[in-house]
Amino acid sequence: MISTINDHLPAVLRGMRGLLCPRPRARDAVVSFQDACVRDLIRHAYARVPYYRRLFEKAGLEPGDVRGVANLATLPLTSREDLQHLPPSEICATGSQVDSLYMVMTSGSTGAPSR
């Protein structure tokens, strides 16, 4: 028996529909997971990292204000230079054993060396 394109058309169309119209549930699950990760990270930074808590408070933000990826643009920006001049106790989570940190210096190939 000789098959024609018409015999395979429904399978081809189903495959194309899967590419062009991904299942919304899978996308929703990924977005929900990303949003949960962002909320957890923001809560952790606010509760345990002194520098980020001050940064958020200065901007008038609380952890509940950031509900997910869509709210990341509301976060205040910080620069590498801002972080370089702070002691480890300000940028590490409270309770971290800052004295036992392993410090490494960068070469500074993209600017000033960093530790």
PDB file of N, CA and C in Angstrom:
ATOM      1  N   MET A   1       0.841  -1.175   0.000  1.00  0.00           N
ATOM      2  CA  MET A   1       0.000   0.000   0.000  1.00  0.00           C
ATOM      3  C   MET A   1       0.889   1.240   0.000  1.00  0.00           C
ATOM      4  N   ILE A   2       0.561   2.181  -0.827  1.00  0.00           N
ATOM      5  CA  ILE A   2       1.313   3.432  -0.945  1.00  0.00           C
ATOM      6  C   ILE A   2       0.628   4.487  -0.090  1.00  0.00           C
ATOM      7  N   SER A   3       1.415   5.123   0.809  1.00  0.00           N
ATOM      8  CA  SER A   3       0.816   6.173   1.635  1.00  0.00           C
ATOM      9  C   SER A   3       1.032   7.521   0.975  1.00  0.00           C
ATOM     10  N   THR A   4       0.104   8.402   1.204  1.00  0.00           N
ATOM     11  CA  THR A   4       0.186   9.750   0.644  1.00  0.00           C
ATOM     12  C   THR A   4       0.322  10.741   1.797  1.00  0.00           C
ATOM     13  N   ILE A   5       0.590  11.974   1.436  1.00  0.00           N
ATOM     14  CA  ILE A   5       0.709  13.021   2.454  1.00  0.00           C
ATOM     15  C   ILE A   5      -0.587  13.160   3.246  1.00  0.00           C
ATOM     16  N   ASN A   6      -1.714  12.919   2.581  1.00  0.00           N
ATOM     17  CA  ASN A   6      -3.002  13.047   3.258  1.00  0.00           C
ATOM     18  C   ASN A   6      -3.158  12.025   4.382  1.00  0.00           C
ATOM     19  N   ASP A   7      -2.499  10.863   4.243  1.00  0.00           N
ATOM     20  CA  ASP A   7      -2.592   9.845   5.287  1.00  0.00           C
ATOM     21  C   ASP A   7      -1.899  10.319   6.567  1.00  0.00           C
ATOM     22  N   HIS A   8      -0.898  11.135   6.430  1.00  0.00           N
ATOM     23  CA  HIS A   8      -0.112  11.591   7.580  1.00  0.00           C
ATOM     24  C   HIS A   8      -0.457  13.011   8.023  1.00  0.00           C
ATOM     25  N   LEU A   9      -1.351  13.646   7.329  1.00  0.00           N
ATOM     26  CA  LEU A   9      -1.677  15.038   7.615  1.00  0.00           C
ATOM     27  C   LEU A   9      -2.143  15.268   9.054  1.00  0.00           C
ATOM     28  N   PRO A  10      -3.048  14.467   9.593  1.00  0.00           N
ATOM     29  CA  PRO A  10      -3.465  14.742  10.976  1.00  0.00           C
ATOM     30  C   PRO A  10      -2.304  14.690  11.966  1.00  0.00           C
ATOM     31  N   ALA A  11      -1.406  13.729  11.815  1.00  0.00           N
ATOM     32  CA  ALA A  11      -0.266  13.641  12.731  1.00  0.00           C
ATOM     33  C   ALA A  11       0.644  14.851  12.578  1.00  0.00           C
ATOM     34  N   VAL A  12       0.860  15.288  11.362  1.00  0.00           N
ATOM     35  CA  VAL A  12       1.697  16.464  11.106  1.00  0.00           C
ATOM     36  C   VAL A  12       1.058  17.693  11.732  1.00  0.00           C
ATOM     37  N   LEU A  13      -0.250  17.838  11.549  1.00  0.00           N
ATOM     38  CA  LEU A  13      -0.938  19.001  12.118  1.00  0.00           C
ATOM     39  C   LEU A  13      -0.910  18.974  13.633  1.00  0.00           C
ATOM     40  N   ARG A  14      -1.072  17.794  14.237  1.00  0.00           N
ATOM     41  CA  ARG A  14      -0.984  17.695  15.696  1.00  0.00           C
ATOM     42  C   ARG A  14       0.402  18.104  16.180  1.00  0.00           C
ATOM     43  N   GLY A  15       1.431  17.669  15.466  1.00  0.00           N
ATOM     44  CA  GLY A  15       2.796  18.039  15.838  1.00  0.00           C
ATOM     45  C   GLY A  15       3.029  19.530  15.715  1.00  0.00           C
ATOM     46  N   MET A  16       2.523  20.126  14.646  1.00  0.00           N
ATOM     47  CA  MET A  16       2.692  21.573  14.453  1.00  0.00           C
ATOM     48  C   MET A  16       1.921  22.350  15.511  1.00  0.00           C
ATOM     49  N   ARG A  17       0.717  21.870  15.859  1.00  0.00           N
ATOM     50  CA  ARG A  17      -0.070  22.551  16.877  1.00  0.00           C
ATOM     51  C   ARG A  17       0.671  22.526  18.220  1.00  0.00           C
ATOM     52  N   GLY A  18       1.354  21.418  18.506  1.00  0.00           N
ATOM     53  CA  GLY A  18       2.122  21.323  19.737  1.00  0.00           C
ATOM     54  C   GLY A  18       3.275  22.316  19.771  1.00  0.00           C
ATOM     55  N   LEU A  19       3.868  22.583  18.617  1.00  0.00           N
ATOM     56  CA  LEU A  19       4.966  23.551  18.552  1.00  0.00           C
ATOM     57  C   LEU A  19       4.463  24.984  18.643  1.00  0.00           C
ATOM     58  N   LEU A  20       3.351  25.244  17.948  1.00  0.00           N
ATOM     59  CA  LEU A  20       2.851  26.616  17.881  1.00  0.00           C
ATOM     60  C   LEU A  20       2.009  27.006  19.095  1.00  0.00           C
ATOM     61  N   CYS A  21       1.367  26.050  19.702  1.00  0.00           N
ATOM     62  CA  CYS A  21       0.487  26.327  20.836  1.00  0.00           C
ATOM     63  C   CYS A  21       0.847  25.392  21.992  1.00  0.00           C
ATOM     64  N   PRO A  22       1.908  25.695  22.724  1.00  0.00           N
ATOM     65  CA  PRO A  22       2.289  24.817  23.825  1.00  0.00           C
ATOM     66  C   PRO A  22       1.170  24.725  24.854  1.00  0.00           C
ATOM     67  N   ARG A  23       1.153  23.624  25.555  1.00  0.00           N
ATOM     68  CA  ARG A  23       0.111  23.426  26.559  1.00  0.00           C
ATOM     69  C   ARG A  23       0.221  24.488  27.640  1.00  0.00           C
ATOM     70  N   PRO A  24      -0.842  25.227  27.891  1.00  0.00           N
ATOM     71  CA  PRO A  24      -0.778  26.302  28.877  1.00  0.00           C
ATOM     72  C   PRO A  24      -0.444  25.812  30.283  1.00  0.00           C
ATOM     73  N   ARG A  25      -0.864  24.604  30.627  1.00  0.00           N
ATOM     74  CA  ARG A  25      -0.597  24.126  31.978  1.00  0.00           C
ATOM     75  C   ARG A  25       0.901  24.015  32.239  1.00  0.00           C
ATOM     76  N   ALA A  26       1.649  23.547  31.263  1.00  0.00           N
ATOM     77  CA  ALA A  26       3.098  23.418  31.453  1.00  0.00           C
ATOM     78  C   ALA A  26       3.726  24.805  31.647  1.00  0.00           C
ATOM     79  N   ARG A  27       3.323  25.774  30.859  1.00  0.00           N
ATOM     80  CA  ARG A  27       3.846  27.137  30.968  1.00  0.00           C
ATOM     81  C   ARG A  27       3.465  27.737  32.318  1.00  0.00           C
ATOM     82  N   ASP A  28       2.222  27.549  32.720  1.00  0.00           N
ATOM     83  CA  ASP A  28       1.767  28.075  34.008  1.00  0.00           C
ATOM     84  C   ASP A  28       2.563  27.480  35.165  1.00  0.00           C
ATOM     85  N   ALA A  29       2.883  26.189  35.059  1.00  0.00           N
ATOM     86  CA  ALA A  29       3.656  25.535  36.118  1.00  0.00           C
ATOM     87  C   ALA A  29       5.054  26.129  36.215  1.00  0.00           C
ATOM     88  N   VAL A  30       5.678  26.414  35.065  1.00  0.00           N
ATOM     89  CA  VAL A  30       7.018  27.003  35.058  1.00  0.00           C
ATOM     90  C   VAL A  30       6.974  28.406  35.653  1.00  0.00           C
ATOM     91  N   VAL A  31       6.003  29.193  35.249  1.00  0.00           N
ATOM     92  CA  VAL A  31       5.879  30.571  35.762  1.00  0.00           C
ATOM     93  C   VAL A  31       5.618  30.548  37.267  1.00  0.00           C
ATOM     94  N   SER A  32       4.767  29.652  37.728  1.00  0.00           N
ATOM     95  CA  SER A  32       4.492  29.547  39.164  1.00  0.00           C
ATOM     96  C   SER A  32       5.747  29.172  39.939  1.00  0.00           C
ATOM     97  N   PHE A  33       6.528  28.251  39.390  1.00  0.00           N
ATOM     98  CA  PHE A  33       7.773  27.837  40.034  1.00  0.00           C
ATOM     99  C   PHE A  33       8.759  29.003  40.095  1.00  0.00           C
ATOM    100  N   GLN A  34       8.912  29.728  38.986  1.00  0.00           N
ATOM    101  CA  GLN A  34       9.821  30.876  38.962  1.00  0.00           C
ATOM    102  C   GLN A  34       9.385  31.942  39.968  1.00  0.00           C
ATOM    103  N   ASP A  35       8.095  32.218  40.016  1.00  0.00           N
ATOM    104  CA  ASP A  35       7.591  33.225  40.947  1.00  0.00           C
ATOM    105  C   ASP A  35       7.838  32.809  42.389  1.00  0.00           C
ATOM    106  N   ALA A  36       7.639  31.538  42.698  1.00  0.00           N
ATOM    107  CA  ALA A  36       7.883  31.043  44.059  1.00  0.00           C
ATOM    108  C   ALA A  36       9.358  31.182  44.426  1.00  0.00           C
ATOM    109  N   CYS A  37      10.247  30.883  43.482  1.00  0.00           N
ATOM    110  CA  CYS A  37      11.685  31.018  43.740  1.00  0.00           C
ATOM    111  C   CYS A  37      12.058  32.474  44.001  1.00  0.00           C
ATOM    112  N   VAL A  38      11.507  33.396  43.222  1.00  0.00           N
ATOM    113  CA  VAL A  38      11.786  34.821  43.421  1.00  0.00           C
ATOM    114  C   VAL A  38      11.287  35.268  44.792  1.00  0.00           C
ATOM    115  N   ARG A  39      10.069  34.868  45.159  1.00  0.00           N
ATOM    116  CA  ARG A  39       9.534  35.245  46.479  1.00  0.00           C
ATOM    117  C   ARG A  39      10.419  34.722  47.601  1.00  0.00           C
ATOM    118  N   ASP A  40      10.851  33.465  47.485  1.00  0.00           N
ATOM    119  CA  ASP A  40      11.716  32.880  48.514  1.00  0.00           C
ATOM    120  C   ASP A  40      13.044  33.624  48.619  1.00  0.00           C
ATOM    121  N   LEU A  41      13.636  33.953  47.490  1.00  0.00           N
ATOM    122  CA  LEU A  41      14.919  34.654  47.475  1.00  0.00           C
ATOM    123  C   LEU A  41      14.798  36.044  48.103  1.00  0.00           C
ATOM    124  N   ILE A  42      13.744  36.766  47.748  1.00  0.00           N
ATOM    125  CA  ILE A  42      13.537  38.112  48.286  1.00  0.00           C
ATOM    126  C   ILE A  42      13.291  38.051  49.794  1.00  0.00           C
ATOM    127  N   ARG A  43      12.471  37.105  50.240  1.00  0.00           N
ATOM    128  CA  ARG A  43      12.222  36.952  51.683  1.00  0.00           C
ATOM    129  C   ARG A  43      13.520  36.648  52.424  1.00  0.00           C
ATOM    130  N   HIS A  44      14.336  35.758  51.859  1.00  0.00           N
ATOM    131  CA  HIS A  44      15.609  35.402  52.485  1.00  0.00           C
ATOM    132  C   HIS A  44      16.534  36.618  52.562  1.00  0.00           C
ATOM    133  N   ALA A  45      16.685  37.324  51.449  1.00  0.00           N
ATOM    134  CA  ALA A  45      17.581  38.481  51.424  1.00  0.00           C
ATOM    135  C   ALA A  45      17.135  39.547  52.424  1.00  0.00           C
ATOM    136  N   TYR A  46      15.845  39.804  52.479  1.00  0.00           N
ATOM    137  CA  TYR A  46      15.321  40.826  53.390  1.00  0.00           C
ATOM    138  C   TYR A  46      15.514  40.412  54.854  1.00  0.00           C
ATOM    139  N   ALA A  47      15.264  39.161  55.141  1.00  0.00           N
ATOM    140  CA  ALA A  47      15.317  38.696  56.525  1.00  0.00           C
ATOM    141  C   ALA A  47      16.735  38.471  57.030  1.00  0.00           C
ATOM    142  N   ARG A  48      17.671  38.107  56.131  1.00  0.00           N
ATOM    143  CA  ARG A  48      18.961  37.635  56.632  1.00  0.00           C
ATOM    144  C   ARG A  48      20.188  38.382  56.133  1.00  0.00           C
ATOM    145  N   VAL A  49      20.055  39.266  55.148  1.00  0.00           N
ATOM    146  CA  VAL A  49      21.235  39.964  54.617  1.00  0.00           C
ATOM    147  C   VAL A  49      21.087  41.461  54.900  1.00  0.00           C
ATOM    148  N   PRO A  50      21.881  41.988  55.833  1.00  0.00           N
ATOM    149  CA  PRO A  50      21.724  43.389  56.249  1.00  0.00           C
ATOM    150  C   PRO A  50      21.737  44.390  55.092  1.00  0.00           C
ATOM    151  N   TYR A  51      22.636  44.239  54.144  1.00  0.00           N
ATOM    152  CA  TYR A  51      22.726  45.200  53.041  1.00  0.00           C
ATOM    153  C   TYR A  51      21.421  45.249  52.247  1.00  0.00           C
ATOM    154  N   TYR A  52      20.877  44.082  51.907  1.00  0.00           N
ATOM    155  CA  TYR A  52      19.657  44.059  51.095  1.00  0.00           C
ATOM    156  C   TYR A  52      18.447  44.548  51.886  1.00  0.00           C
ATOM    157  N   ARG A  53      18.414  44.275  53.173  1.00  0.00           N
ATOM    158  CA  ARG A  53      17.313  44.787  53.989  1.00  0.00           C
ATOM    159  C   ARG A  53      17.310  46.320  53.964  1.00  0.00           C
ATOM    160  N   ARG A  54      18.477  46.937  54.177  1.00  0.00           N
ATOM    161  CA  ARG A  54      18.571  48.406  54.126  1.00  0.00           C
ATOM    162  C   ARG A  54      18.207  48.937  52.736  1.00  0.00           C
ATOM    163  N   LEU A  55      18.673  48.246  51.700  1.00  0.00           N
ATOM    164  CA  LEU A  55      18.397  48.669  50.328  1.00  0.00           C
ATOM    165  C   LEU A  55      16.893  48.652  50.051  1.00  0.00           C
ATOM    166  N   PHE A  56      16.215  47.589  50.471  1.00  0.00           N
ATOM    167  CA  PHE A  56      14.768  47.485  50.263  1.00  0.00           C
ATOM    168  C   PHE A  56      14.029  48.533  51.084  1.00  0.00           C
ATOM    169  N   GLU A  57      14.435  48.701  52.346  1.00  0.00           N
ATOM    170  CA  GLU A  57      13.766  49.681  53.208  1.00  0.00           C
ATOM    171  C   GLU A  57      13.931  51.092  52.656  1.00  0.00           C
ATOM    172  N   LYS A  58      15.112  51.411  52.160  1.00  0.00           N
ATOM    173  CA  LYS A  58      15.357  52.742  51.572  1.00  0.00           C
ATOM    174  C   LYS A  58      14.445  52.986  50.378  1.00  0.00           C
ATOM    175  N   ALA A  59      14.140  51.913  49.640  1.00  0.00           N
ATOM    176  CA  ALA A  59      13.258  52.024  48.468  1.00  0.00           C
ATOM    177  C   ALA A  59      11.786  51.901  48.860  1.00  0.00           C
ATOM    178  N   GLY A  60      11.507  51.667  50.150  1.00  0.00           N
ATOM    179  CA  GLY A  60      10.131  51.528  50.603  1.00  0.00           C
ATOM    180  C   GLY A  60       9.499  50.195  50.220  1.00  0.00           C
ATOM    181  N   LEU A  61      10.326  49.167  50.072  1.00  0.00           N
ATOM    182  CA  LEU A  61       9.829  47.847  49.674  1.00  0.00           C
ATOM    183  C   LEU A  61       9.856  46.862  50.834  1.00  0.00           C
ATOM    184  N   GLU A  62       8.883  45.988  50.835  1.00  0.00           N
ATOM    185  CA  GLU A  62       8.850  44.868  51.761  1.00  0.00           C
ATOM    186  C   GLU A  62       8.788  43.599  50.920  1.00  0.00           C
ATOM    187  N   PRO A  63       9.170  42.456  51.476  1.00  0.00           N
ATOM    188  CA  PRO A  63       9.172  41.220  50.700  1.00  0.00           C
ATOM    189  C   PRO A  63       7.842  40.915  50.016  1.00  0.00           C
ATOM    190  N   GLY A  64       6.740  41.214  50.660  1.00  0.00           N
ATOM    191  CA  GLY A  64       5.426  40.935  50.071  1.00  0.00           C
ATOM    192  C   GLY A  64       5.117  41.758  48.830  1.00  0.00           C
ATOM    193  N   ASP A  65       5.871  42.838  48.620  1.00  0.00           N
ATOM    194  CA  ASP A  65       5.652  43.672  47.435  1.00  0.00           C
ATOM    195  C   ASP A  65       6.144  43.000  46.157  1.00  0.00           C
ATOM    196  N   VAL A  66       7.030  42.048  46.305  1.00  0.00           N
ATOM    197  CA  VAL A  66       7.585  41.340  45.140  1.00  0.00           C
ATOM    198  C   VAL A  66       6.931  39.968  45.098  1.00  0.00           C
ATOM    199  N   ARG A  67       5.986  39.823  44.192  1.00  0.00           N
ATOM    200  CA  ARG A  67       5.215  38.583  44.108  1.00  0.00           C
ATOM    201  C   ARG A  67       5.738  37.618  43.057  1.00  0.00           C
ATOM    202  N   GLY A  68       6.686  38.074  42.248  1.00  0.00           N
ATOM    203  CA  GLY A  68       7.223  37.172  41.236  1.00  0.00           C
ATOM    204  C   GLY A  68       8.133  37.879  40.259  1.00  0.00           C
ATOM    205  N   VAL A  69       8.437  37.179  39.188  1.00  0.00           N
ATOM    206  CA  VAL A  69       9.359  37.668  38.159  1.00  0.00           C
ATOM    207  C   VAL A  69       8.903  39.019  37.608  1.00  0.00           C
ATOM    208  N   ALA A  70       7.607  39.196  37.442  1.00  0.00           N
ATOM    209  CA  ALA A  70       7.094  40.442  36.868  1.00  0.00           C
ATOM    210  C   ALA A  70       7.421  41.658  37.719  1.00  0.00           C
ATOM    211  N   ASN A  71       7.673  41.461  39.013  1.00  0.00           N
ATOM    212  CA  ASN A  71       7.969  42.581  39.915  1.00  0.00           C
ATOM    213  C   ASN A  71       9.450  42.857  40.083  1.00  0.00           C
ATOM    214  N   LEU A  72      10.315  42.113  39.419  1.00  0.00           N
ATOM    215  CA  LEU A  72      11.759  42.309  39.596  1.00  0.00           C
ATOM    216  C   LEU A  72      12.204  43.718  39.213  1.00  0.00           C
ATOM    217  N   ALA A  73      11.524  44.328  38.277  1.00  0.00           N
ATOM    218  CA  ALA A  73      11.903  45.678  37.846  1.00  0.00           C
ATOM    219  C   ALA A  73      11.702  46.709  38.950  1.00  0.00           C
ATOM    220  N   THR A  74      10.921  46.385  39.979  1.00  0.00           N
ATOM    221  CA  THR A  74      10.687  47.329  41.066  1.00  0.00           C
ATOM    222  C   THR A  74      11.818  47.324  42.086  1.00  0.00           C
ATOM    223  N   LEU A  75      12.697  46.329  42.013  1.00  0.00           N
ATOM    224  CA  LEU A  75      13.799  46.233  42.975  1.00  0.00           C
ATOM    225  C   LEU A  75      14.856  47.296  42.704  1.00  0.00           C
ATOM    226  N   PRO A  76      15.426  47.860  43.754  1.00  0.00           N
ATOM    227  CA  PRO A  76      16.493  48.854  43.555  1.00  0.00           C
ATOM    228  C   PRO A  76      17.746  48.173  43.013  1.00  0.00           C
ATOM    229  N   LEU A  77      18.446  48.892  42.170  1.00  0.00           N
ATOM    230  CA  LEU A  77      19.685  48.361  41.602  1.00  0.00           C
ATOM    231  C   LEU A  77      20.844  48.615  42.553  1.00  0.00           C
ATOM    232  N   THR A  78      21.798  47.736  42.498  1.00  0.00           N
ATOM    233  CA  THR A  78      23.026  47.919  43.253  1.00  0.00           C
ATOM    234  C   THR A  78      24.180  47.644  42.300  1.00  0.00           C
ATOM    235  N   SER A  79      25.296  48.267  42.561  1.00  0.00           N
ATOM    236  CA  SER A  79      26.429  48.093  41.655  1.00  0.00           C
ATOM    237  C   SER A  79      27.492  47.200  42.291  1.00  0.00           C
ATOM    238  N   ARG A  80      28.364  46.738  41.465  1.00  0.00           N
ATOM    239  CA  ARG A  80      29.492  45.943  41.936  1.00  0.00           C
ATOM    240  C   ARG A  80      30.331  46.757  42.927  1.00  0.00           C
ATOM    241  N   GLU A  81      30.517  48.034  42.610  1.00  0.00           N
ATOM    242  CA  GLU A  81      31.311  48.898  43.485  1.00  0.00           C
ATOM    243  C   GLU A  81      30.665  49.034  44.861  1.00  0.00           C
ATOM    244  N   ASP A  82      29.316  49.127  44.890  1.00  0.00           N
ATOM    245  CA  ASP A  82      28.620  49.210  46.176  1.00  0.00           C
ATOM    246  C   ASP A  82      28.955  47.995  47.038  1.00  0.00           C
ATOM    247  N   LEU A  83      28.943  46.838  46.437  1.00  0.00           N
ATOM    248  CA  LEU A  83      29.184  45.600  47.176  1.00  0.00           C
ATOM    249  C   LEU A  83      30.645  45.424  47.556  1.00  0.00           C
ATOM    250  N   GLN A  84      31.562  45.884  46.706  1.00  0.00           N
ATOM    251  CA  GLN A  84      32.992  45.708  46.955  1.00  0.00           C
ATOM    252  C   GLN A  84      33.465  46.428  48.210  1.00  0.00           C
ATOM    253  N   HIS A  85      32.809  47.511  48.543  1.00  0.00           N
ATOM    254  CA  HIS A  85      33.271  48.320  49.672  1.00  0.00           C
ATOM    255  C   HIS A  85      32.633  47.917  51.002  1.00  0.00           C
ATOM    256  N   LEU A  86      31.815  46.896  50.978  1.00  0.00           N
ATOM    257  CA  LEU A  86      31.147  46.461  52.205  1.00  0.00           C
ATOM    258  C   LEU A  86      31.879  45.292  52.842  1.00  0.00           C
ATOM    259  N   PRO A  87      31.847  45.216  54.159  1.00  0.00           N
ATOM    260  CA  PRO A  87      32.448  44.049  54.824  1.00  0.00           C
ATOM    261  C   PRO A  87      31.565  42.815  54.582  1.00  0.00           C
ATOM    262  N   PRO A  88      32.160  41.632  54.619  1.00  0.00           N
ATOM    263  CA  PRO A  88      31.391  40.406  54.394  1.00  0.00           C
ATOM    264  C   PRO A  88      30.174  40.270  55.305  1.00  0.00           C
ATOM    265  N   SER A  89      30.257  40.785  56.520  1.00  0.00           N
ATOM    266  CA  SER A  89      29.130  40.657  57.449  1.00  0.00           C
ATOM    267  C   SER A  89      27.889  41.400  56.954  1.00  0.00           C
ATOM    268  N   GLU A  90      28.064  42.362  56.048  1.00  0.00           N
ATOM    269  CA  GLU A  90      26.933  43.115  55.509  1.00  0.00           C
ATOM    270  C   GLU A  90      26.276  42.438  54.313  1.00  0.00           C
ATOM    271  N   ILE A  91      27.041  41.627  53.583  1.00  0.00           N
ATOM    272  CA  ILE A  91      26.501  41.030  52.357  1.00  0.00           C
ATOM    273  C   ILE A  91      26.303  39.522  52.449  1.00  0.00           C
ATOM    274  N   CYS A  92      26.669  38.943  53.580  1.00  0.00           N
ATOM    275  CA  CYS A  92      26.431  37.515  53.809  1.00  0.00           C
ATOM    276  C   CYS A  92      25.232  37.370  54.733  1.00  0.00           C
ATOM    277  N   ALA A  93      24.563  36.253  54.629  1.00  0.00           N
ATOM    278  CA  ALA A  93      23.389  36.010  55.465  1.00  0.00           C
ATOM    279  C   ALA A  93      23.771  35.974  56.936  1.00  0.00           C
ATOM    280  N   THR A  94      22.921  36.544  57.762  1.00  0.00           N
ATOM    281  CA  THR A  94      23.105  36.501  59.208  1.00  0.00           C
ATOM    282  C   THR A  94      23.221  35.045  59.637  1.00  0.00           C
ATOM    283  N   GLY A  95      24.183  34.771  60.497  1.00  0.00           N
ATOM    284  CA  GLY A  95      24.399  33.405  60.944  1.00  0.00           C
ATOM    285  C   GLY A  95      25.477  32.687  60.147  1.00  0.00           C
ATOM    286  N   SER A  96      25.899  33.277  59.027  1.00  0.00           N
ATOM    287  CA  SER A  96      26.990  32.682  58.253  1.00  0.00           C
ATOM    288  C   SER A  96      28.277  32.828  59.044  1.00  0.00           C
ATOM    289  N   GLN A  97      29.159  31.893  58.900  1.00  0.00           N
ATOM    290  CA  GLN A  97      30.443  31.985  59.582  1.00  0.00           C
ATOM    291  C   GLN A  97      31.404  32.762  58.685  1.00  0.00           C
ATOM    292  N   VAL A  98      31.298  34.077  58.770  1.00  0.00           N
ATOM    293  CA  VAL A  98      32.060  34.983  57.920  1.00  0.00           C
ATOM    294  C   VAL A  98      33.565  34.779  58.100  1.00  0.00           C
ATOM    295  N   ASP A  99      34.002  34.443  59.311  1.00  0.00           N
ATOM    296  CA  ASP A  99      35.432  34.262  59.571  1.00  0.00           C
ATOM    297  C   ASP A  99      36.022  33.087  58.798  1.00  0.00           C
ATOM    298  N   SER A 100      35.176  32.151  58.397  1.00  0.00           N
ATOM    299  CA  SER A 100      35.699  30.972  57.710  1.00  0.00           C
ATOM    300  C   SER A 100      35.515  31.047  56.189  1.00  0.00           C
ATOM    301  N   LEU A 101      35.145  32.219  55.682  1.00  0.00           N
ATOM    302  CA  LEU A 101      34.989  32.370  54.239  1.00  0.00           C
ATOM    303  C   LEU A 101      36.329  32.239  53.533  1.00  0.00           C
ATOM    304  N   TYR A 102      36.291  31.682  52.360  1.00  0.00           N
ATOM    305  CA  TYR A 102      37.477  31.551  51.533  1.00  0.00           C
ATOM    306  C   TYR A 102      37.461  32.722  50.560  1.00  0.00           C
ATOM    307  N   MET A 103      38.413  33.631  50.678  1.00  0.00           N
ATOM    308  CA  MET A 103      38.458  34.822  49.836  1.00  0.00           C
ATOM    309  C   MET A 103      39.328  34.581  48.609  1.00  0.00           C
ATOM    310  N   VAL A 104      38.839  35.057  47.479  1.00  0.00           N
ATOM    311  CA  VAL A 104      39.560  34.939  46.218  1.00  0.00           C
ATOM    312  C   VAL A 104      39.551  36.310  45.557  1.00  0.00           C
ATOM    313  N   MET A 105      40.663  36.706  45.001  1.00  0.00           N
ATOM    314  CA  MET A 105      40.738  37.974  44.267  1.00  0.00           C
ATOM    315  C   MET A 105      40.602  37.701  42.778  1.00  0.00           C
ATOM    316  N   THR A 106      39.813  38.527  42.092  1.00  0.00           N
ATOM    317  CA  THR A 106      39.742  38.427  40.636  1.00  0.00           C
ATOM    318  C   THR A 106      40.922  39.187  40.049  1.00  0.00           C
ATOM    319  N   SER A 107      41.164  38.975  38.782  1.00  0.00           N
ATOM    320  CA  SER A 107      42.303  39.620  38.133  1.00  0.00           C
ATOM    321  C   SER A 107      42.027  41.081  37.812  1.00  0.00           C
ATOM    322  N   GLY A 108      40.751  41.446  37.712  1.00  0.00           N
ATOM    323  CA  GLY A 108      40.417  42.814  37.348  1.00  0.00           C
ATOM    324  C   GLY A 108      40.448  43.037  35.852  1.00  0.00           C
ATOM    325  N   SER A 109      40.343  41.966  35.072  1.00  0.00           N
ATOM    326  CA  SER A 109      40.434  42.108  33.615  1.00  0.00           C
ATOM    327  C   SER A 109      39.288  42.943  33.045  1.00  0.00           C
ATOM    328  N   THR A 110      38.156  43.036  33.753  1.00  0.00           N
ATOM    329  CA  THR A 110      37.030  43.856  33.269  1.00  0.00           C
ATOM    330  C   THR A 110      36.877  45.138  34.076  1.00  0.00           C
ATOM    331  N   GLY A 111      37.868  45.477  34.872  1.00  0.00           N
ATOM    332  CA  GLY A 111      37.804  46.671  35.718  1.00  0.00           C
ATOM    333  C   GLY A 111      38.695  46.469  36.927  1.00  0.00           C
ATOM    334  N   ALA A 112      38.269  47.011  38.047  1.00  0.00           N
ATOM    335  CA  ALA A 112      39.041  46.878  39.278  1.00  0.00           C
ATOM    336  C   ALA A 112      38.958  45.454  39.817  1.00  0.00           C
ATOM    337  N   PRO A 113      40.053  44.954  40.369  1.00  0.00           N
ATOM    338  CA  PRO A 113      40.013  43.621  40.983  1.00  0.00           C
ATOM    339  C   PRO A 113      38.953  43.577  42.085  1.00  0.00           C
ATOM    340  N   SER A 114      38.409  42.414  42.287  1.00  0.00           N
ATOM    341  CA  SER A 114      37.349  42.234  43.272  1.00  0.00           C
ATOM    342  C   SER A 114      37.695  41.066  44.175  1.00  0.00           C
ATOM    343  N   ARG A 115      37.186  41.120  45.421  1.00  0.00           N
ATOM    344  CA  ARG A 115      37.408  39.970  46.314  1.00  0.00           C
ATOM    345  C   ARG A 115      36.084  39.357  46.662  1.00  0.00           C
TER     346      ARG A 115
END
